[in-house]
Structure formats: structure tokens, C-alpha cells
């Protein structure tokens, strides 16, 4: 199972989260998405997004002003 990558560097908040949300809708449960961003606001944006959406924020890091977020797509629940 691979990892998709979204390069959202130099995009202002909330664009990186919106692009991630769109990508996650097309992914299978358990697949991972990595997002690169440079806007510091994305730190709280991704934490809030994952908390409310049910996706798992499995890793965050920052190197020279580039933030990396790894998100695991949630398992679909059957109603």
C-alpha cells in the first residue's frame, strides 16, 4: 500500500486541508496521504480536521519551514 503526496507549499490556509480532504474522499481505508505545506496555520488546521473527520494524523514534522503531515484514511463505518 503506497502513500499519496500532495505538495501544497506556498498555499495559504485552508487550501492544504481542503486539498487533503478531497484526496482522502477517493482513498481506501488505511491508505496514507502525505501533505507538504509552508503555512504555519496548517498545524492547527490538520489537527482540527483529523479530530472532526475521524482520519488519523499519524505524523507531523517541520524542516526548514516545510511542514509534513501524514494522515491515515479512516475506515468506513457501516450504518
PDB file of N, CA and C in Angstrom:
ATOM      1  N   UNK A   1       0.848  -1.164   0.000  1.00  0.00           N
ATOM      2  CA  UNK A   1       0.000   0.000   0.000  1.00  0.00           C
ATOM      3  C   UNK A   1       0.896   1.230   0.000  1.00  0.00           C
ATOM      4  N   UNK A   2       0.782   2.050  -1.019  1.00  0.00           N
ATOM      5  CA  UNK A   2       1.626   3.222  -1.145  1.00  0.00           C
ATOM      6  C   UNK A   2       1.104   4.410  -0.368  1.00  0.00           C
ATOM      7  N   UNK A   3       1.757   5.527  -0.593  1.00  0.00           N
ATOM      8  CA  UNK A   3       1.402   6.759   0.080  1.00  0.00           C
ATOM      9  C   UNK A   3       1.246   7.836  -0.983  1.00  0.00           C
ATOM     10  N   UNK A   4       0.109   8.512  -1.002  1.00  0.00           N
ATOM     11  CA  UNK A   4      -0.090   9.615  -1.928  1.00  0.00           C
ATOM     12  C   UNK A   4       0.558  10.866  -1.356  1.00  0.00           C
ATOM     13  N   UNK A   5       0.965  11.774  -2.232  1.00  0.00           N
ATOM     14  CA  UNK A   5       1.623  13.006  -1.812  1.00  0.00           C
ATOM     15  C   UNK A   5       0.909  14.203  -2.421  1.00  0.00           C
ATOM     16  N   UNK A   6       0.650  15.197  -1.585  1.00  0.00           N
ATOM     17  CA  UNK A   6       0.129  16.485  -2.059  1.00  0.00           C
ATOM     18  C   UNK A   6       1.149  17.545  -1.678  1.00  0.00           C
ATOM     19  N   UNK A   7       1.642  18.270  -2.672  1.00  0.00           N
ATOM     20  CA  UNK A   7       2.561  19.373  -2.417  1.00  0.00           C
ATOM     21  C   UNK A   7       1.735  20.657  -2.395  1.00  0.00           C
ATOM     22  N   UNK A   8       1.454  21.137  -1.193  1.00  0.00           N
ATOM     23  CA  UNK A   8       0.646  22.350  -1.025  1.00  0.00           C
ATOM     24  C   UNK A   8       1.503  23.490  -0.470  1.00  0.00           C
ATOM     25  N   UNK A   9       2.786  23.457  -0.787  1.00  0.00           N
ATOM     26  CA  UNK A   9       3.680  24.510  -0.329  1.00  0.00           C
ATOM     27  C   UNK A   9       3.260  25.836  -0.947  1.00  0.00           C
ATOM     28  N   UNK A  10       3.367  26.890  -0.161  1.00  0.00           N
ATOM     29  CA  UNK A  10       3.066  28.266  -0.554  1.00  0.00           C
ATOM     30  C   UNK A  10       1.575  28.534  -0.756  1.00  0.00           C
ATOM     31  N   UNK A  11       0.728  27.574  -0.385  1.00  0.00           N
ATOM     32  CA  UNK A  11      -0.711  27.802  -0.383  1.00  0.00           C
ATOM     33  C   UNK A  11      -1.114  28.261   1.016  1.00  0.00           C
ATOM     34  N   UNK A  12      -1.993  29.228   1.068  1.00  0.00           N
ATOM     35  CA  UNK A  12      -2.473  29.740   2.357  1.00  0.00           C
ATOM     36  C   UNK A  12      -3.564  28.839   2.916  1.00  0.00           C
ATOM     37  N   UNK A  13      -3.665  28.831   4.237  1.00  0.00           N
ATOM     38  CA  UNK A  13      -4.726  28.113   4.926  1.00  0.00           C
ATOM     39  C   UNK A  13      -6.070  28.667   4.451  1.00  0.00           C
ATOM     40  N   UNK A  14      -7.049  27.858   4.194  1.00  0.00           N
ATOM     41  CA  UNK A  14      -7.206  26.428   4.464  1.00  0.00           C
ATOM     42  C   UNK A  14      -6.972  25.541   3.238  1.00  0.00           C
ATOM     43  N   UNK A  15      -6.346  26.053   2.199  1.00  0.00           N
ATOM     44  CA  UNK A  15      -6.198  25.282   0.954  1.00  0.00           C
ATOM     45  C   UNK A  15      -5.521  23.923   1.129  1.00  0.00           C
ATOM     46  N   UNK A  16      -4.435  23.785   1.906  1.00  0.00           N
ATOM     47  CA  UNK A  16      -3.842  22.455   2.059  1.00  0.00           C
ATOM     48  C   UNK A  16      -4.822  21.435   2.656  1.00  0.00           C
ATOM     49  N   UNK A  17      -5.618  21.858   3.631  1.00  0.00           N
ATOM     50  CA  UNK A  17      -6.590  20.947   4.246  1.00  0.00           C
ATOM     51  C   UNK A  17      -7.699  20.596   3.248  1.00  0.00           C
ATOM     52  N   UNK A  18      -8.159  21.569   2.498  1.00  0.00           N
ATOM     53  CA  UNK A  18      -9.201  21.298   1.507  1.00  0.00           C
ATOM     54  C   UNK A  18      -8.716  20.326   0.439  1.00  0.00           C
ATOM     55  N   UNK A  19      -7.473  20.473   0.004  1.00  0.00           N
ATOM     56  CA  UNK A  19      -6.917  19.534  -0.983  1.00  0.00           C
ATOM     57  C   UNK A  19      -6.782  18.139  -0.377  1.00  0.00           C
ATOM     58  N   UNK A  20      -6.386  18.068   0.883  1.00  0.00           N
ATOM     59  CA  UNK A  20      -6.264  16.769   1.556  1.00  0.00           C
ATOM     60  C   UNK A  20      -7.636  16.110   1.695  1.00  0.00           C
ATOM     61  N   UNK A  21      -8.630  16.887   2.084  1.00  0.00           N
ATOM     62  CA  UNK A  21      -9.982  16.335   2.253  1.00  0.00           C
ATOM     63  C   UNK A  21     -10.490  15.750   0.944  1.00  0.00           C
ATOM     64  N   UNK A  22     -10.254  16.437  -0.147  1.00  0.00           N
ATOM     65  CA  UNK A  22     -10.681  15.940  -1.461  1.00  0.00           C
ATOM     66  C   UNK A  22      -9.957  14.643  -1.806  1.00  0.00           C
ATOM     67  N   UNK A  23      -8.662  14.580  -1.553  1.00  0.00           N
ATOM     68  CA  UNK A  23      -7.889  13.367  -1.860  1.00  0.00           C
ATOM     69  C   UNK A  23      -8.348  12.197  -0.999  1.00  0.00           C
ATOM     70  N   UNK A  24      -8.601  12.449   0.277  1.00  0.00           N
ATOM     71  CA  UNK A  24      -8.999  11.377   1.196  1.00  0.00           C
ATOM     72  C   UNK A  24     -10.340  10.765   0.815  1.00  0.00           C
ATOM     73  N   UNK A  25     -11.225  11.549   0.214  1.00  0.00           N
ATOM     74  CA  UNK A  25     -12.525  11.006  -0.215  1.00  0.00           C
ATOM     75  C   UNK A  25     -12.367   9.893  -1.244  1.00  0.00           C
ATOM     76  N   UNK A  26     -11.295   9.930  -2.018  1.00  0.00           N
ATOM     77  CA  UNK A  26     -11.073   8.926  -3.045  1.00  0.00           C
ATOM     78  C   UNK A  26     -10.135   7.803  -2.631  1.00  0.00           C
ATOM     79  N   UNK A  27      -9.781   7.753  -1.362  1.00  0.00           N
ATOM     80  CA  UNK A  27      -8.823   6.759  -0.893  1.00  0.00           C
ATOM     81  C   UNK A  27      -9.521   5.657  -0.103  1.00  0.00           C
ATOM     82  N   UNK A  28      -8.889   4.511  -0.084  1.00  0.00           N
ATOM     83  CA  UNK A  28      -9.417   3.376   0.681  1.00  0.00           C
ATOM     84  C   UNK A  28      -9.002   3.501   2.140  1.00  0.00           C
ATOM     85  N   UNK A  29      -9.778   2.887   3.006  1.00  0.00           N
ATOM     86  CA  UNK A  29      -9.474   2.893   4.438  1.00  0.00           C
ATOM     87  C   UNK A  29      -8.070   2.349   4.683  1.00  0.00           C
ATOM     88  N   UNK A  30      -7.311   3.044   5.524  1.00  0.00           N
ATOM     89  CA  UNK A  30      -5.965   2.606   5.867  1.00  0.00           C
ATOM     90  C   UNK A  30      -4.876   3.167   4.976  1.00  0.00           C
ATOM     91  N   UNK A  31      -5.237   3.692   3.804  1.00  0.00           N
ATOM     92  CA  UNK A  31      -4.225   4.292   2.935  1.00  0.00           C
ATOM     93  C   UNK A  31      -3.711   5.571   3.578  1.00  0.00           C
ATOM     94  N   UNK A  32      -2.478   5.940   3.220  1.00  0.00           N
ATOM     95  CA  UNK A  32      -1.863   7.128   3.810  1.00  0.00           C
ATOM     96  C   UNK A  32      -1.714   8.243   2.784  1.00  0.00           C
ATOM     97  N   UNK A  33      -1.862   9.459   3.283  1.00  0.00           N
ATOM     98  CA  UNK A  33      -1.697  10.665   2.485  1.00  0.00           C
ATOM     99  C   UNK A  33      -0.670  11.533   3.185  1.00  0.00           C
ATOM    100  N   UNK A  34       0.300  12.015   2.431  1.00  0.00           N
ATOM    101  CA  UNK A  34       1.303  12.928   2.986  1.00  0.00           C
ATOM    102  C   UNK A  34       1.098  14.292   2.331  1.00  0.00           C
ATOM    103  N   UNK A  35       1.060  15.327   3.154  1.00  0.00           N
ATOM    104  CA  UNK A  35       0.854  16.687   2.665  1.00  0.00           C
ATOM    105  C   UNK A  35       2.030  17.546   3.089  1.00  0.00           C
ATOM    106  N   UNK A  36       2.579  18.300   2.146  1.00  0.00           N
ATOM    107  CA  UNK A  36       3.640  19.261   2.429  1.00  0.00           C
ATOM    108  C   UNK A  36       3.039  20.656   2.374  1.00  0.00           C
ATOM    109  N   UNK A  37       3.317  21.476   3.382  1.00  0.00           N
ATOM    110  CA  UNK A  37       2.774  22.820   3.445  1.00  0.00           C
ATOM    111  C   UNK A  37       3.781  23.759   4.097  1.00  0.00           C
ATOM    112  N   UNK A  38       3.645  25.053   3.819  1.00  0.00           N
ATOM    113  CA  UNK A  38       4.558  26.040   4.398  1.00  0.00           C
ATOM    114  C   UNK A  38       3.845  27.048   5.301  1.00  0.00           C
ATOM    115  N   UNK A  39       2.533  27.070   5.301  1.00  0.00           N
ATOM    116  CA  UNK A  39       1.781  27.998   6.137  1.00  0.00           C
ATOM    117  C   UNK A  39       1.699  27.438   7.558  1.00  0.00           C
ATOM    118  N   UNK A  40       2.222  28.152   8.570  1.00  0.00           N
ATOM    119  CA  UNK A  40       2.187  27.652   9.947  1.00  0.00           C
ATOM    120  C   UNK A  40       0.775  27.371  10.466  1.00  0.00           C
ATOM    121  N   UNK A  41      -0.235  28.019   9.904  1.00  0.00           N
ATOM    122  CA  UNK A  41      -1.621  27.788  10.326  1.00  0.00           C
ATOM    123  C   UNK A  41      -2.062  26.346  10.070  1.00  0.00           C
ATOM    124  N   UNK A  42      -1.387  25.661   9.153  1.00  0.00           N
ATOM    125  CA  UNK A  42      -1.794  24.291   8.835  1.00  0.00           C
ATOM    126  C   UNK A  42      -1.592  23.340  10.009  1.00  0.00           C
ATOM    127  N   UNK A  43      -0.720  23.689  10.947  1.00  0.00           N
ATOM    128  CA  UNK A  43      -0.521  22.834  12.130  1.00  0.00           C
ATOM    129  C   UNK A  43      -1.839  22.623  12.869  1.00  0.00           C
ATOM    130  N   UNK A  44      -2.505  23.696  13.208  1.00  0.00           N
ATOM    131  CA  UNK A  44      -3.787  23.557  13.914  1.00  0.00           C
ATOM    132  C   UNK A  44      -4.889  23.104  12.960  1.00  0.00           C
ATOM    133  N   UNK A  45      -4.809  23.518  11.699  1.00  0.00           N
ATOM    134  CA  UNK A  45      -5.830  23.111  10.723  1.00  0.00           C
ATOM    135  C   UNK A  45      -5.902  21.594  10.589  1.00  0.00           C
ATOM    136  N   UNK A  46      -4.755  20.938  10.440  1.00  0.00           N
ATOM    137  CA  UNK A  46      -4.753  19.486  10.249  1.00  0.00           C
ATOM    138  C   UNK A  46      -5.139  18.747  11.525  1.00  0.00           C
ATOM    139  N   UNK A  47      -4.725  19.258  12.682  1.00  0.00           N
ATOM    140  CA  UNK A  47      -5.140  18.628  13.948  1.00  0.00           C
ATOM    141  C   UNK A  47      -6.663  18.683  14.086  1.00  0.00           C
ATOM    142  N   UNK A  48      -7.236  19.852  13.828  1.00  0.00           N
ATOM    143  CA  UNK A  48      -8.689  20.010  13.928  1.00  0.00           C
ATOM    144  C   UNK A  48      -9.416  19.168  12.891  1.00  0.00           C
ATOM    145  N   UNK A  49      -8.919  19.178  11.653  1.00  0.00           N
ATOM    146  CA  UNK A  49      -9.545  18.413  10.581  1.00  0.00           C
ATOM    147  C   UNK A  49      -9.586  16.924  10.926  1.00  0.00           C
ATOM    148  N   UNK A  50      -8.467  16.389  11.380  1.00  0.00           N
ATOM    149  CA  UNK A  50      -8.418  14.956  11.687  1.00  0.00           C
ATOM    150  C   UNK A  50      -9.302  14.616  12.889  1.00  0.00           C
ATOM    151  N   UNK A  51      -9.336  15.486  13.867  1.00  0.00           N
ATOM    152  CA  UNK A  51     -10.177  15.250  15.045  1.00  0.00           C
ATOM    153  C   UNK A  51     -11.652  15.194  14.657  1.00  0.00           C
ATOM    154  N   UNK A  52     -12.097  16.093  13.778  1.00  0.00           N
ATOM    155  CA  UNK A  52     -13.512  16.147  13.411  1.00  0.00           C
ATOM    156  C   UNK A  52     -13.898  15.150  12.321  1.00  0.00           C
ATOM    157  N   UNK A  53     -12.957  14.769  11.463  1.00  0.00           N
ATOM    158  CA  UNK A  53     -13.284  13.891  10.339  1.00  0.00           C
ATOM    159  C   UNK A  53     -13.105  12.412  10.654  1.00  0.00           C
ATOM    160  N   UNK A  54     -12.318  12.106  11.689  1.00  0.00           N
ATOM    161  CA  UNK A  54     -12.072  10.709  12.027  1.00  0.00           C
ATOM    162  C   UNK A  54     -10.841  10.110  11.376  1.00  0.00           C
ATOM    163  N   UNK A  55     -10.176  10.862  10.505  1.00  0.00           N
ATOM    164  CA  UNK A  55      -8.911  10.391   9.929  1.00  0.00           C
ATOM    165  C   UNK A  55      -7.828  10.507  11.001  1.00  0.00           C
ATOM    166  N   UNK A  56      -6.775   9.706  10.892  1.00  0.00           N
ATOM    167  CA  UNK A  56      -5.716   9.709  11.904  1.00  0.00           C
ATOM    168  C   UNK A  56      -4.513  10.505  11.420  1.00  0.00           C
ATOM    169  N   UNK A  57      -4.118  11.501  12.199  1.00  0.00           N
ATOM    170  CA  UNK A  57      -2.901  12.251  11.932  1.00  0.00           C
ATOM    171  C   UNK A  57      -1.771  11.454  12.574  1.00  0.00           C
ATOM    172  N   UNK A  58      -1.032  10.694  11.759  1.00  0.00           N
ATOM    173  CA  UNK A  58      -0.056   9.757  12.314  1.00  0.00           C
ATOM    174  C   UNK A  58       1.339  10.348  12.466  1.00  0.00           C
ATOM    175  N   UNK A  59       1.641  11.432  11.751  1.00  0.00           N
ATOM    176  CA  UNK A  59       2.968  12.036  11.884  1.00  0.00           C
ATOM    177  C   UNK A  59       2.940  13.485  11.424  1.00  0.00           C
ATOM    178  N   UNK A  60       3.698  14.313  12.116  1.00  0.00           N
ATOM    179  CA  UNK A  60       3.923  15.693  11.696  1.00  0.00           C
ATOM    180  C   UNK A  60       5.397  15.996  11.891  1.00  0.00           C
ATOM    181  N   UNK A  61       5.927  16.822  11.020  1.00  0.00           N
ATOM    182  CA  UNK A  61       7.309  17.261  11.182  1.00  0.00           C
ATOM    183  C   UNK A  61       7.484  18.595  10.471  1.00  0.00           C
ATOM    184  N   UNK A  62       8.599  19.249  10.766  1.00  0.00           N
ATOM    185  CA  UNK A  62       8.916  20.528  10.136  1.00  0.00           C
ATOM    186  C   UNK A  62      10.410  20.571   9.883  1.00  0.00           C
ATOM    187  N   UNK A  63      10.780  20.864   8.653  1.00  0.00           N
ATOM    188  CA  UNK A  63      12.188  21.008   8.287  1.00  0.00           C
ATOM    189  C   UNK A  63      12.321  22.264   7.435  1.00  0.00           C
ATOM    190  N   UNK A  64      13.082  23.227   7.930  1.00  0.00           N
ATOM    191  CA  UNK A  64      13.339  24.484   7.215  1.00  0.00           C
ATOM    192  C   UNK A  64      12.057  25.148   6.703  1.00  0.00           C
ATOM    193  N   UNK A  65      11.043  25.186   7.559  1.00  0.00           N
ATOM    194  CA  UNK A  65       9.814  25.884   7.207  1.00  0.00           C
ATOM    195  C   UNK A  65       8.821  25.096   6.373  1.00  0.00           C
ATOM    196  N   UNK A  66       9.136  23.832   6.094  1.00  0.00           N
ATOM    197  CA  UNK A  66       8.196  22.972   5.350  1.00  0.00           C
ATOM    198  C   UNK A  66       7.620  21.958   6.327  1.00  0.00           C
ATOM    199  N   UNK A  67       6.311  22.006   6.484  1.00  0.00           N
ATOM    200  CA  UNK A  67       5.602  21.096   7.378  1.00  0.00           C
ATOM    201  C   UNK A  67       5.151  19.879   6.596  1.00  0.00           C
ATOM    202  N   UNK A  68       5.290  18.717   7.214  1.00  0.00           N
ATOM    203  CA  UNK A  68       4.864  17.463   6.598  1.00  0.00           C
ATOM    204  C   UNK A  68       3.833  16.820   7.516  1.00  0.00           C
ATOM    205  N   UNK A  69       2.708  16.422   6.929  1.00  0.00           N
ATOM    206  CA  UNK A  69       1.632  15.776   7.672  1.00  0.00           C
ATOM    207  C   UNK A  69       1.337  14.440   7.012  1.00  0.00           C
ATOM    208  N   UNK A  70       1.294  13.381   7.792  1.00  0.00           N
ATOM    209  CA  UNK A  70       0.912  12.071   7.278  1.00  0.00           C
ATOM    210  C   UNK A  70      -0.416  11.697   7.926  1.00  0.00           C
ATOM    211  N   UNK A  71      -1.394  11.415   7.071  1.00  0.00           N
ATOM    212  CA  UNK A  71      -2.756  11.129   7.521  1.00  0.00           C
ATOM    213  C   UNK A  71      -3.149   9.752   7.024  1.00  0.00           C
ATOM    214  N   UNK A  72      -3.725   8.946   7.919  1.00  0.00           N
ATOM    215  CA  UNK A  72      -4.246   7.626   7.532  1.00  0.00           C
ATOM    216  C   UNK A  72      -5.758   7.754   7.367  1.00  0.00           C
ATOM    217  N   UNK A  73      -6.234   7.330   6.220  1.00  0.00           N
ATOM    218  CA  UNK A  73      -7.649   7.420   5.894  1.00  0.00           C
ATOM    219  C   UNK A  73      -8.454   6.522   6.839  1.00  0.00           C
ATOM    220  N   UNK A  74      -9.548   7.080   7.343  1.00  0.00           N
ATOM    221  CA  UNK A  74     -10.373   6.331   8.303  1.00  0.00           C
ATOM    222  C   UNK A  74     -11.080   5.161   7.645  1.00  0.00           C
ATOM    223  N   UNK A  75     -11.409   4.201   8.471  1.00  0.00           N
ATOM    224  CA  UNK A  75     -12.202   3.072   7.999  1.00  0.00           C
ATOM    225  C   UNK A  75     -13.647   3.528   7.877  1.00  0.00           C
ATOM    226  N   UNK A  76     -14.295   3.132   6.818  1.00  0.00           N
ATOM    227  CA  UNK A  76     -15.702   3.480   6.635  1.00  0.00           C
ATOM    228  C   UNK A  76     -16.538   2.702   7.640  1.00  0.00           C
ATOM    229  N   UNK A  77     -17.517   3.352   8.198  1.00  0.00           N
ATOM    230  CA  UNK A  77     -18.394   2.677   9.135  1.00  0.00           C
ATOM    231  C   UNK A  77     -19.676   2.295   8.422  1.00  0.00           C
ATOM    232  N   UNK A  78     -20.151   1.114   8.702  1.00  0.00           N
ATOM    233  CA  UNK A  78     -21.401   0.690   8.065  1.00  0.00           C
ATOM    234  C   UNK A  78     -22.557   1.057   8.984  1.00  0.00           C
ATOM    235  N   UNK A  79     -23.590   1.640   8.401  1.00  0.00           N
ATOM    236  CA  UNK A  79     -24.741   2.100   9.204  1.00  0.00           C
ATOM    237  C   UNK A  79     -25.825   1.060   9.211  1.00  0.00           C
TER     238      UNK A  79
END
